[in-house]
């Protein structure tokens, strides 16, 4: 079993489907940052992992190597993205949401 913790999301102005960057800690031992969060055409999100261009080739910096790791990271990141985006949307909806969040904080 893989433990994904300390999920952080940094929303950005949407560009070509990229809406945020994420970072996570895996099994309390590995920090993974610069994970791209993109919207899918049919709805939902997908993740991309950092690459570096060298000699005209894209080289993977890191990425999950099995389905279990991939799903654990995706589930944690996407859950947090939805939470952050909903909170952001609520903040811009109306004054009552601001007032309610202030009193509930």
PDB file of N, CA and C in Angstrom:
ATOM      1  N   UNK A   1       0.842  -1.180   0.000  1.00  0.00           N
ATOM      2  CA  UNK A   1       0.000   0.000   0.000  1.00  0.00           C
ATOM      3  C   UNK A   1       0.882   1.237   0.000  1.00  0.00           C
ATOM      4  N   UNK A   2       0.478   2.235  -0.741  1.00  0.00           N
ATOM      5  CA  UNK A   2       1.234   3.471  -0.868  1.00  0.00           C
ATOM      6  C   UNK A   2       0.501   4.576  -0.124  1.00  0.00           C
ATOM      7  N   UNK A   3       1.241   5.316   0.684  1.00  0.00           N
ATOM      8  CA  UNK A   3       0.664   6.419   1.438  1.00  0.00           C
ATOM      9  C   UNK A   3       1.062   7.731   0.775  1.00  0.00           C
ATOM     10  N   UNK A   4       0.075   8.511   0.386  1.00  0.00           N
ATOM     11  CA  UNK A   4       0.301   9.823  -0.211  1.00  0.00           C
ATOM     12  C   UNK A   4      -0.200  10.864   0.778  1.00  0.00           C
ATOM     13  N   UNK A   5       0.687  11.766   1.186  1.00  0.00           N
ATOM     14  CA  UNK A   5       0.317  12.770   2.184  1.00  0.00           C
ATOM     15  C   UNK A   5       0.834  14.137   1.757  1.00  0.00           C
ATOM     16  N   UNK A   6       0.565  15.125   2.570  1.00  0.00           N
ATOM     17  CA  UNK A   6       1.030  16.493   2.367  1.00  0.00           C
ATOM     18  C   UNK A   6       0.782  16.980   0.940  1.00  0.00           C
ATOM     19  N   UNK A   7      -0.438  16.768   0.474  1.00  0.00           N
ATOM     20  CA  UNK A   7      -0.814  17.180  -0.882  1.00  0.00           C
ATOM     21  C   UNK A   7      -1.021  18.689  -0.888  1.00  0.00           C
ATOM     22  N   UNK A   8      -0.289  19.368  -1.768  1.00  0.00           N
ATOM     23  CA  UNK A   8      -0.426  20.813  -1.907  1.00  0.00           C
ATOM     24  C   UNK A   8      -0.770  21.137  -3.359  1.00  0.00           C
ATOM     25  N   UNK A   9      -1.680  22.069  -3.532  1.00  0.00           N
ATOM     26  CA  UNK A   9      -2.141  22.475  -4.857  1.00  0.00           C
ATOM     27  C   UNK A   9      -1.902  23.971  -5.020  1.00  0.00           C
ATOM     28  N   UNK A  10      -1.334  24.344  -6.162  1.00  0.00           N
ATOM     29  CA  UNK A  10      -1.142  25.751  -6.499  1.00  0.00           C
ATOM     30  C   UNK A  10      -1.911  26.010  -7.792  1.00  0.00           C
ATOM     31  N   UNK A  11      -3.111  26.597  -7.680  1.00  0.00           N
ATOM     32  CA  UNK A  11      -3.884  26.903  -8.888  1.00  0.00           C
ATOM     33  C   UNK A  11      -3.163  27.967  -9.715  1.00  0.00           C
ATOM     34  N   UNK A  12      -3.302  27.873 -11.034  1.00  0.00           N
ATOM     35  CA  UNK A  12      -2.721  28.870 -11.924  1.00  0.00           C
ATOM     36  C   UNK A  12      -3.788  29.312 -12.918  1.00  0.00           C
ATOM     37  N   UNK A  13      -3.515  30.390 -13.622  1.00  0.00           N
ATOM     38  CA  UNK A  13      -4.418  30.806 -14.695  1.00  0.00           C
ATOM     39  C   UNK A  13      -4.364  29.724 -15.764  1.00  0.00           C
ATOM     40  N   UNK A  14      -5.510  29.185 -16.130  1.00  0.00           N
ATOM     41  CA  UNK A  14      -5.570  28.056 -17.060  1.00  0.00           C
ATOM     42  C   UNK A  14      -4.883  28.377 -18.385  1.00  0.00           C
ATOM     43  N   UNK A  15      -4.013  27.464 -18.819  1.00  0.00           N
ATOM     44  CA  UNK A  15      -3.289  27.586 -20.082  1.00  0.00           C
ATOM     45  C   UNK A  15      -3.268  26.227 -20.753  1.00  0.00           C
ATOM     46  N   UNK A  16      -3.935  26.109 -21.902  1.00  0.00           N
ATOM     47  CA  UNK A  16      -3.962  24.847 -22.657  1.00  0.00           C
ATOM     48  C   UNK A  16      -4.365  23.660 -21.774  1.00  0.00           C
ATOM     49  N   UNK A  17      -5.309  23.878 -20.874  1.00  0.00           N
ATOM     50  CA  UNK A  17      -5.812  22.807 -20.022  1.00  0.00           C
ATOM     51  C   UNK A  17      -5.077  22.658 -18.699  1.00  0.00           C
ATOM     52  N   UNK A  18      -3.901  23.255 -18.560  1.00  0.00           N
ATOM     53  CA  UNK A  18      -3.159  23.199 -17.298  1.00  0.00           C
ATOM     54  C   UNK A  18      -3.809  24.164 -16.323  1.00  0.00           C
ATOM     55  N   UNK A  19      -4.275  23.642 -15.169  1.00  0.00           N
ATOM     56  CA  UNK A  19      -4.999  24.490 -14.220  1.00  0.00           C
ATOM     57  C   UNK A  19      -4.302  24.622 -12.862  1.00  0.00           C
ATOM     58  N   UNK A  20      -3.332  23.737 -12.581  1.00  0.00           N
ATOM     59  CA  UNK A  20      -2.666  23.793 -11.278  1.00  0.00           C
ATOM     60  C   UNK A  20      -1.392  22.963 -11.308  1.00  0.00           C
ATOM     61  N   UNK A  21      -0.581  23.194 -10.293  1.00  0.00           N
ATOM     62  CA  UNK A  21       0.569  22.335 -10.034  1.00  0.00           C
ATOM     63  C   UNK A  21       0.366  21.711  -8.660  1.00  0.00           C
ATOM     64  N   UNK A  22       0.839  20.492  -8.511  1.00  0.00           N
ATOM     65  CA  UNK A  22       0.671  19.773  -7.250  1.00  0.00           C
ATOM     66  C   UNK A  22       2.017  19.267  -6.753  1.00  0.00           C
ATOM     67  N   UNK A  23       2.079  19.056  -5.442  1.00  0.00           N
ATOM     68  CA  UNK A  23       3.214  18.361  -4.838  1.00  0.00           C
ATOM     69  C   UNK A  23       2.659  17.410  -3.796  1.00  0.00           C
ATOM     70  N   UNK A  24       3.369  16.304  -3.588  1.00  0.00           N
ATOM     71  CA  UNK A  24       2.943  15.289  -2.624  1.00  0.00           C
ATOM     72  C   UNK A  24       4.171  14.691  -1.944  1.00  0.00           C
ATOM     73  N   UNK A  25       3.921  14.041  -0.827  1.00  0.00           N
ATOM     74  CA  UNK A  25       4.943  13.223  -0.175  1.00  0.00           C
ATOM     75  C   UNK A  25       4.446  11.783  -0.254  1.00  0.00           C
ATOM     76  N   UNK A  26       5.307  10.892  -0.717  1.00  0.00           N
ATOM     77  CA  UNK A  26       4.944   9.489  -0.883  1.00  0.00           C
ATOM     78  C   UNK A  26       5.668   8.655   0.174  1.00  0.00           C
ATOM     79  N   UNK A  27       4.868   7.877   0.908  1.00  0.00           N
ATOM     80  CA  UNK A  27       5.372   6.994   1.961  1.00  0.00           C
ATOM     81  C   UNK A  27       6.258   7.706   2.988  1.00  0.00           C
ATOM     82  N   UNK A  28       6.019   8.997   3.172  1.00  0.00           N
ATOM     83  CA  UNK A  28       6.776   9.752   4.160  1.00  0.00           C
ATOM     84  C   UNK A  28       8.245   9.898   3.824  1.00  0.00           C
ATOM     85  N   UNK A  29       8.651   9.520   2.606  1.00  0.00           N
ATOM     86  CA  UNK A  29      10.071   9.523   2.260  1.00  0.00           C
ATOM     87  C   UNK A  29      10.430  10.299   1.005  1.00  0.00           C
ATOM     88  N   UNK A  30       9.483  10.478   0.092  1.00  0.00           N
ATOM     89  CA  UNK A  30       9.792  11.100  -1.187  1.00  0.00           C
ATOM     90  C   UNK A  30       8.878  12.290  -1.443  1.00  0.00           C
ATOM     91  N   UNK A  31       9.498  13.430  -1.717  1.00  0.00           N
ATOM     92  CA  UNK A  31       8.748  14.619  -2.106  1.00  0.00           C
ATOM     93  C   UNK A  31       8.713  14.653  -3.625  1.00  0.00           C
ATOM     94  N   UNK A  32       7.533  14.776  -4.192  1.00  0.00           N
ATOM     95  CA  UNK A  32       7.364  14.883  -5.635  1.00  0.00           C
ATOM     96  C   UNK A  32       6.672  16.210  -5.919  1.00  0.00           C
ATOM     97  N   UNK A  33       7.317  17.077  -6.671  1.00  0.00           N
ATOM     98  CA  UNK A  33       6.757  18.384  -6.973  1.00  0.00           C
ATOM     99  C   UNK A  33       6.611  18.593  -8.468  1.00  0.00           C
ATOM    100  N   UNK A  34       6.062  19.719  -8.827  1.00  0.00           N
ATOM    101  CA  UNK A  34       5.867  20.120 -10.230  1.00  0.00           C
ATOM    102  C   UNK A  34       5.013  19.140 -11.016  1.00  0.00           C
ATOM    103  N   UNK A  35       4.030  18.539 -10.356  1.00  0.00           N
ATOM    104  CA  UNK A  35       3.084  17.653 -11.038  1.00  0.00           C
ATOM    105  C   UNK A  35       2.020  18.545 -11.672  1.00  0.00           C
ATOM    106  N   UNK A  36       1.871  18.448 -12.981  1.00  0.00           N
ATOM    107  CA  UNK A  36       0.879  19.263 -13.680  1.00  0.00           C
ATOM    108  C   UNK A  36      -0.511  18.667 -13.547  1.00  0.00           C
ATOM    109  N   UNK A  37      -1.497  19.520 -13.316  1.00  0.00           N
ATOM    110  CA  UNK A  37      -2.892  19.093 -13.248  1.00  0.00           C
ATOM    111  C   UNK A  37      -3.607  19.728 -14.433  1.00  0.00           C
ATOM    112  N   UNK A  38      -4.133  18.883 -15.325  1.00  0.00           N
ATOM    113  CA  UNK A  38      -4.790  19.333 -16.540  1.00  0.00           C
ATOM    114  C   UNK A  38      -6.250  18.908 -16.531  1.00  0.00           C
ATOM    115  N   UNK A  39      -7.104  19.723 -17.152  1.00  0.00           N
ATOM    116  CA  UNK A  39      -8.494  19.308 -17.332  1.00  0.00           C
ATOM    117  C   UNK A  39      -8.568  18.361 -18.522  1.00  0.00           C
ATOM    118  N   UNK A  40      -9.483  17.396 -18.445  1.00  0.00           N
ATOM    119  CA  UNK A  40      -9.756  16.495 -19.565  1.00  0.00           C
ATOM    120  C   UNK A  40     -10.888  17.090 -20.394  1.00  0.00           C
ATOM    121  N   UNK A  41     -10.904  16.787 -21.678  1.00  0.00           N
ATOM    122  CA  UNK A  41     -11.959  17.310 -22.547  1.00  0.00           C
ATOM    123  C   UNK A  41     -13.343  16.871 -22.103  1.00  0.00           C
ATOM    124  N   UNK A  42     -13.478  15.631 -21.646  1.00  0.00           N
ATOM    125  CA  UNK A  42     -14.769  15.106 -21.226  1.00  0.00           C
ATOM    126  C   UNK A  42     -15.098  15.390 -19.776  1.00  0.00           C
ATOM    127  N   UNK A  43     -14.292  16.188 -19.106  1.00  0.00           N
ATOM    128  CA  UNK A  43     -14.489  16.480 -17.689  1.00  0.00           C
ATOM    129  C   UNK A  43     -13.502  15.705 -16.841  1.00  0.00           C
ATOM    130  N   UNK A  44     -13.202  16.212 -15.693  1.00  0.00           N
ATOM    131  CA  UNK A  44     -12.249  15.578 -14.799  1.00  0.00           C
ATOM    132  C   UNK A  44     -10.844  16.126 -15.001  1.00  0.00           C
ATOM    133  N   UNK A  45      -9.884  15.437 -14.418  1.00  0.00           N
ATOM    134  CA  UNK A  45      -8.503  15.900 -14.428  1.00  0.00           C
ATOM    135  C   UNK A  45      -7.557  14.754 -14.761  1.00  0.00           C
ATOM    136  N   UNK A  46      -6.382  15.128 -15.263  1.00  0.00           N
ATOM    137  CA  UNK A  46      -5.310  14.168 -15.478  1.00  0.00           C
ATOM    138  C   UNK A  46      -4.015  14.809 -15.001  1.00  0.00           C
ATOM    139  N   UNK A  47      -3.042  13.979 -14.660  1.00  0.00           N
ATOM    140  CA  UNK A  47      -1.766  14.471 -14.149  1.00  0.00           C
ATOM    141  C   UNK A  47      -0.657  14.261 -15.166  1.00  0.00           C
ATOM    142  N   UNK A  48       0.305  15.169 -15.161  1.00  0.00           N
ATOM    143  CA  UNK A  48       1.522  14.989 -15.941  1.00  0.00           C
ATOM    144  C   UNK A  48       2.706  15.190 -15.000  1.00  0.00           C
ATOM    145  N   UNK A  49       3.757  14.464 -15.274  1.00  0.00           N
ATOM    146  CA  UNK A  49       4.945  14.512 -14.430  1.00  0.00           C
ATOM    147  C   UNK A  49       6.063  15.242 -15.156  1.00  0.00           C
ATOM    148  N   UNK A  50       6.979  15.875 -14.414  1.00  0.00           N
ATOM    149  CA  UNK A  50       7.989  16.718 -15.044  1.00  0.00           C
ATOM    150  C   UNK A  50       8.941  15.960 -15.964  1.00  0.00           C
ATOM    151  N   UNK A  51       9.337  16.651 -17.027  1.00  0.00           N
ATOM    152  CA  UNK A  51      10.327  16.125 -17.963  1.00  0.00           C
ATOM    153  C   UNK A  51      11.380  17.205 -18.188  1.00  0.00           C
ATOM    154  N   UNK A  52      12.491  16.787 -18.755  1.00  0.00           N
ATOM    155  CA  UNK A  52      13.562  17.721 -19.094  1.00  0.00           C
ATOM    156  C   UNK A  52      13.995  17.429 -20.514  1.00  0.00           C
ATOM    157  N   UNK A  53      14.186  18.481 -21.287  1.00  0.00           N
ATOM    158  CA  UNK A  53      14.608  18.275 -22.657  1.00  0.00           C
ATOM    159  C   UNK A  53      16.136  18.251 -22.709  1.00  0.00           C
ATOM    160  N   UNK A  54      16.681  17.204 -23.325  1.00  0.00           N
ATOM    161  CA  UNK A  54      18.132  17.064 -23.457  1.00  0.00           C
ATOM    162  C   UNK A  54      18.430  16.403 -24.798  1.00  0.00           C
ATOM    163  N   UNK A  55      19.239  17.049 -25.578  1.00  0.00           N
ATOM    164  CA  UNK A  55      19.597  16.485 -26.873  1.00  0.00           C
ATOM    165  C   UNK A  55      18.406  16.258 -27.783  1.00  0.00           C
ATOM    166  N   UNK A  56      17.406  17.137 -27.710  1.00  0.00           N
ATOM    167  CA  UNK A  56      16.223  16.995 -28.553  1.00  0.00           C
ATOM    168  C   UNK A  56      15.250  15.930 -28.085  1.00  0.00           C
ATOM    169  N   UNK A  57      15.493  15.344 -26.927  1.00  0.00           N
ATOM    170  CA  UNK A  57      14.597  14.313 -26.377  1.00  0.00           C
ATOM    171  C   UNK A  57      14.021  14.788 -25.060  1.00  0.00           C
ATOM    172  N   UNK A  58      12.792  14.357 -24.765  1.00  0.00           N
ATOM    173  CA  UNK A  58      12.196  14.608 -23.455  1.00  0.00           C
ATOM    174  C   UNK A  58      12.536  13.447 -22.541  1.00  0.00           C
ATOM    175  N   UNK A  59      13.194  13.743 -21.434  1.00  0.00           N
ATOM    176  CA  UNK A  59      13.552  12.726 -20.454  1.00  0.00           C
ATOM    177  C   UNK A  59      12.669  12.880 -19.226  1.00  0.00           C
ATOM    178  N   UNK A  60      12.152  11.774 -18.730  1.00  0.00           N
ATOM    179  CA  UNK A  60      11.327  11.810 -17.523  1.00  0.00           C
ATOM    180  C   UNK A  60      12.199  12.081 -16.312  1.00  0.00           C
ATOM    181  N   UNK A  61      11.775  13.035 -15.501  1.00  0.00           N
ATOM    182  CA  UNK A  61      12.450  13.286 -14.232  1.00  0.00           C
ATOM    183  C   UNK A  61      12.019  12.204 -13.245  1.00  0.00           C
ATOM    184  N   UNK A  62      10.727  11.988 -13.146  1.00  0.00           N
ATOM    185  CA  UNK A  62      10.153  10.886 -12.362  1.00  0.00           C
ATOM    186  C   UNK A  62       8.729  10.665 -12.826  1.00  0.00           C
ATOM    187  N   UNK A  63       8.192   9.504 -12.533  1.00  0.00           N
ATOM    188  CA  UNK A  63       6.794   9.168 -12.800  1.00  0.00           C
ATOM    189  C   UNK A  63       6.494   7.851 -12.106  1.00  0.00           C
ATOM    190  N   UNK A  64       5.222   7.590 -11.799  1.00  0.00           N
ATOM    191  CA  UNK A  64       4.862   6.300 -11.187  1.00  0.00           C
ATOM    192  C   UNK A  64       5.182   5.174 -12.168  1.00  0.00           C
ATOM    193  N   UNK A  65       5.638   4.047 -11.636  1.00  0.00           N
ATOM    194  CA  UNK A  65       5.988   2.941 -12.522  1.00  0.00           C
ATOM    195  C   UNK A  65       4.982   1.800 -12.477  1.00  0.00           C
ATOM    196  N   UNK A  66       3.956   1.946 -11.636  1.00  0.00           N
ATOM    197  CA  UNK A  66       2.915   0.923 -11.652  1.00  0.00           C
ATOM    198  C   UNK A  66       1.560   1.567 -11.383  1.00  0.00           C
ATOM    199  N   UNK A  67       0.516   0.815 -11.672  1.00  0.00           N
ATOM    200  CA  UNK A  67      -0.849   1.323 -11.578  1.00  0.00           C
ATOM    201  C   UNK A  67      -1.226   1.697 -10.146  1.00  0.00           C
ATOM    202  N   UNK A  68      -0.761   0.935  -9.185  1.00  0.00           N
ATOM    203  CA  UNK A  68      -1.101   1.209  -7.778  1.00  0.00           C
ATOM    204  C   UNK A  68      -0.561   2.570  -7.358  1.00  0.00           C
ATOM    205  N   UNK A  69       0.696   2.848  -7.674  1.00  0.00           N
ATOM    206  CA  UNK A  69       1.294   4.136  -7.322  1.00  0.00           C
ATOM    207  C   UNK A  69       0.600   5.269  -8.067  1.00  0.00           C
ATOM    208  N   UNK A  70       0.351   5.056  -9.347  1.00  0.00           N
ATOM    209  CA  UNK A  70      -0.300   6.079 -10.165  1.00  0.00           C
ATOM    210  C   UNK A  70      -1.678   6.421  -9.615  1.00  0.00           C
ATOM    211  N   UNK A  71      -2.464   5.424  -9.310  1.00  0.00           N
ATOM    212  CA  UNK A  71      -3.821   5.658  -8.802  1.00  0.00           C
ATOM    213  C   UNK A  71      -3.809   6.321  -7.431  1.00  0.00           C
ATOM    214  N   UNK A  72      -2.853   5.949  -6.570  1.00  0.00           N
ATOM    215  CA  UNK A  72      -2.776   6.561  -5.240  1.00  0.00           C
ATOM    216  C   UNK A  72      -2.477   8.047  -5.347  1.00  0.00           C
ATOM    217  N   UNK A  73      -1.524   8.410  -6.202  1.00  0.00           N
ATOM    218  CA  UNK A  73      -1.176   9.820  -6.379  1.00  0.00           C
ATOM    219  C   UNK A  73      -2.330  10.567  -7.039  1.00  0.00           C
ATOM    220  N   UNK A  74      -2.893  10.000  -8.101  1.00  0.00           N
ATOM    221  CA  UNK A  74      -4.012  10.650  -8.799  1.00  0.00           C
ATOM    222  C   UNK A  74      -5.187  10.897  -7.868  1.00  0.00           C
ATOM    223  N   UNK A  75      -5.558   9.895  -7.095  1.00  0.00           N
ATOM    224  CA  UNK A  75      -6.701  10.027  -6.191  1.00  0.00           C
ATOM    225  C   UNK A  75      -6.466  11.145  -5.182  1.00  0.00           C
ATOM    226  N   UNK A  76      -5.290  11.181  -4.560  1.00  0.00           N
ATOM    227  CA  UNK A  76      -4.995  12.197  -3.549  1.00  0.00           C
ATOM    228  C   UNK A  76      -4.968  13.592  -4.164  1.00  0.00           C
ATOM    229  N   UNK A  77      -4.317  13.728  -5.311  1.00  0.00           N
ATOM    230  CA  UNK A  77      -4.183  15.046  -5.944  1.00  0.00           C
ATOM    231  C   UNK A  77      -5.532  15.533  -6.454  1.00  0.00           C
ATOM    232  N   UNK A  78      -6.263  14.703  -7.156  1.00  0.00           N
ATOM    233  CA  UNK A  78      -7.535  15.128  -7.730  1.00  0.00           C
ATOM    234  C   UNK A  78      -8.543  15.479  -6.642  1.00  0.00           C
ATOM    235  N   UNK A  79      -8.554  14.731  -5.558  1.00  0.00           N
ATOM    236  CA  UNK A  79      -9.440  15.046  -4.427  1.00  0.00           C
ATOM    237  C   UNK A  79      -9.109  16.438  -3.889  1.00  0.00           C
ATOM    238  N   UNK A  80      -7.836  16.732  -3.728  1.00  0.00           N
ATOM    239  CA  UNK A  80      -7.417  18.036  -3.199  1.00  0.00           C
ATOM    240  C   UNK A  80      -7.693  19.149  -4.211  1.00  0.00           C
ATOM    241  N   UNK A  81      -7.498  18.885  -5.496  1.00  0.00           N
ATOM    242  CA  UNK A  81      -7.782  19.881  -6.535  1.00  0.00           C
ATOM    243  C   UNK A  81      -9.252  20.267  -6.494  1.00  0.00           C
ATOM    244  N   UNK A  82     -10.131  19.274  -6.418  1.00  0.00           N
ATOM    245  CA  UNK A  82     -11.565  19.558  -6.360  1.00  0.00           C
ATOM    246  C   UNK A  82     -11.893  20.410  -5.140  1.00  0.00           C
ATOM    247  N   UNK A  83     -11.293  20.095  -4.012  1.00  0.00           N
ATOM    248  CA  UNK A  83     -11.528  20.859  -2.786  1.00  0.00           C
ATOM    249  C   UNK A  83     -11.055  22.308  -2.947  1.00  0.00           C
ATOM    250  N   UNK A  84      -9.876  22.499  -3.497  1.00  0.00           N
ATOM    251  CA  UNK A  84      -9.326  23.846  -3.665  1.00  0.00           C
ATOM    252  C   UNK A  84     -10.135  24.642  -4.672  1.00  0.00           C
ATOM    253  N   UNK A  85     -10.487  24.033  -5.792  1.00  0.00           N
ATOM    254  CA  UNK A  85     -11.238  24.746  -6.825  1.00  0.00           C
ATOM    255  C   UNK A  85     -12.645  25.085  -6.347  1.00  0.00           C
ATOM    256  N   UNK A  86     -13.294  24.179  -5.634  1.00  0.00           N
ATOM    257  CA  UNK A  86     -14.628  24.472  -5.103  1.00  0.00           C
ATOM    258  C   UNK A  86     -14.561  25.612  -4.102  1.00  0.00           C
ATOM    259  N   UNK A  87     -13.553  25.616  -3.266  1.00  0.00           N
ATOM    260  CA  UNK A  87     -13.398  26.679  -2.273  1.00  0.00           C
ATOM    261  C   UNK A  87     -13.153  28.010  -2.983  1.00  0.00           C
ATOM    262  N   UNK A  88     -12.344  27.980  -4.031  1.00  0.00           N
ATOM    263  CA  UNK A  88     -12.066  29.178  -4.813  1.00  0.00           C
ATOM    264  C   UNK A  88     -13.330  29.681  -5.496  1.00  0.00           C
ATOM    265  N   UNK A  89     -14.113  28.769  -6.079  1.00  0.00           N
ATOM    266  CA  UNK A  89     -15.365  29.167  -6.736  1.00  0.00           C
ATOM    267  C   UNK A  89     -16.358  29.722  -5.732  1.00  0.00           C
ATOM    268  N   UNK A  90     -16.431  29.116  -4.538  1.00  0.00           N
ATOM    269  CA  UNK A  90     -17.343  29.604  -3.507  1.00  0.00           C
ATOM    270  C   UNK A  90     -16.982  31.026  -3.091  1.00  0.00           C
ATOM    271  N   UNK A  91     -15.690  31.302  -3.033  1.00  0.00           N
ATOM    272  CA  UNK A  91     -15.230  32.614  -2.592  1.00  0.00           C
ATOM    273  C   UNK A  91     -15.707  33.697  -3.552  1.00  0.00           C
ATOM    274  N   UNK A  92     -15.839  33.355  -4.831  1.00  0.00           N
ATOM    275  CA  UNK A  92     -16.213  34.349  -5.824  1.00  0.00           C
ATOM    276  C   UNK A  92     -17.710  34.369  -6.124  1.00  0.00           C
ATOM    277  N   UNK A  93     -18.483  33.485  -5.518  1.00  0.00           N
ATOM    278  CA  UNK A  93     -19.903  33.409  -5.847  1.00  0.00           C
ATOM    279  C   UNK A  93     -20.718  34.550  -5.271  1.00  0.00           C
ATOM    280  N   UNK A  94     -20.638  34.790  -3.950  1.00  0.00           N
ATOM    281  CA  UNK A  94     -21.440  35.853  -3.373  1.00  0.00           C
ATOM    282  C   UNK A  94     -20.930  36.224  -1.988  1.00  0.00           C
ATOM    283  N   UNK A  95     -21.388  37.345  -1.511  1.00  0.00           N
ATOM    284  CA  UNK A  95     -20.970  37.842  -0.209  1.00  0.00           C
ATOM    285  C   UNK A  95     -21.338  36.875   0.909  1.00  0.00           C
ATOM    286  N   UNK A  96     -22.493  36.224   0.810  1.00  0.00           N
ATOM    287  CA  UNK A  96     -22.933  35.319   1.869  1.00  0.00           C
ATOM    288  C   UNK A  96     -21.941  34.189   2.103  1.00  0.00           C
ATOM    289  N   UNK A  97     -21.332  33.691   1.048  1.00  0.00           N
ATOM    290  CA  UNK A  97     -20.345  32.629   1.224  1.00  0.00           C
ATOM    291  C   UNK A  97     -19.138  33.142   1.987  1.00  0.00           C
ATOM    292  N   UNK A  98     -18.697  34.368   1.709  1.00  0.00           N
ATOM    293  CA  UNK A  98     -17.575  34.956   2.438  1.00  0.00           C
ATOM    294  C   UNK A  98     -17.929  35.084   3.915  1.00  0.00           C
ATOM    295  N   UNK A  99     -19.124  35.608   4.172  1.00  0.00           N
ATOM    296  CA  UNK A  99     -19.571  35.812   5.541  1.00  0.00           C
ATOM    297  C   UNK A  99     -19.685  34.489   6.272  1.00  0.00           C
ATOM    298  N   UNK A 100     -20.248  33.479   5.603  1.00  0.00           N
ATOM    299  CA  UNK A 100     -20.415  32.174   6.215  1.00  0.00           C
ATOM    300  C   UNK A 100     -19.062  31.543   6.532  1.00  0.00           C
ATOM    301  N   UNK A 101     -18.126  31.614   5.585  1.00  0.00           N
ATOM    302  CA  UNK A 101     -16.822  30.999   5.807  1.00  0.00           C
ATOM    303  C   UNK A 101     -16.109  31.719   6.949  1.00  0.00           C
ATOM    304  N   UNK A 102     -16.266  33.058   7.036  1.00  0.00           N
ATOM    305  CA  UNK A 102     -15.619  33.819   8.096  1.00  0.00           C
ATOM    306  C   UNK A 102     -16.082  33.351   9.466  1.00  0.00           C
ATOM    307  N   UNK A 103     -17.375  33.139   9.627  1.00  0.00           N
ATOM    308  CA  UNK A 103     -17.910  32.740  10.912  1.00  0.00           C
ATOM    309  C   UNK A 103     -17.649  31.266  11.211  1.00  0.00           C
ATOM    310  N   UNK A 104     -17.483  30.444  10.167  1.00  0.00           N
ATOM    311  CA  UNK A 104     -17.220  29.023  10.387  1.00  0.00           C
ATOM    312  C   UNK A 104     -15.749  28.714  10.579  1.00  0.00           C
ATOM    313  N   UNK A 105     -14.879  29.677  10.315  1.00  0.00           N
ATOM    314  CA  UNK A 105     -13.439  29.435  10.398  1.00  0.00           C
ATOM    315  C   UNK A 105     -12.990  29.283  11.840  1.00  0.00           C
TER     316      UNK A 105
END
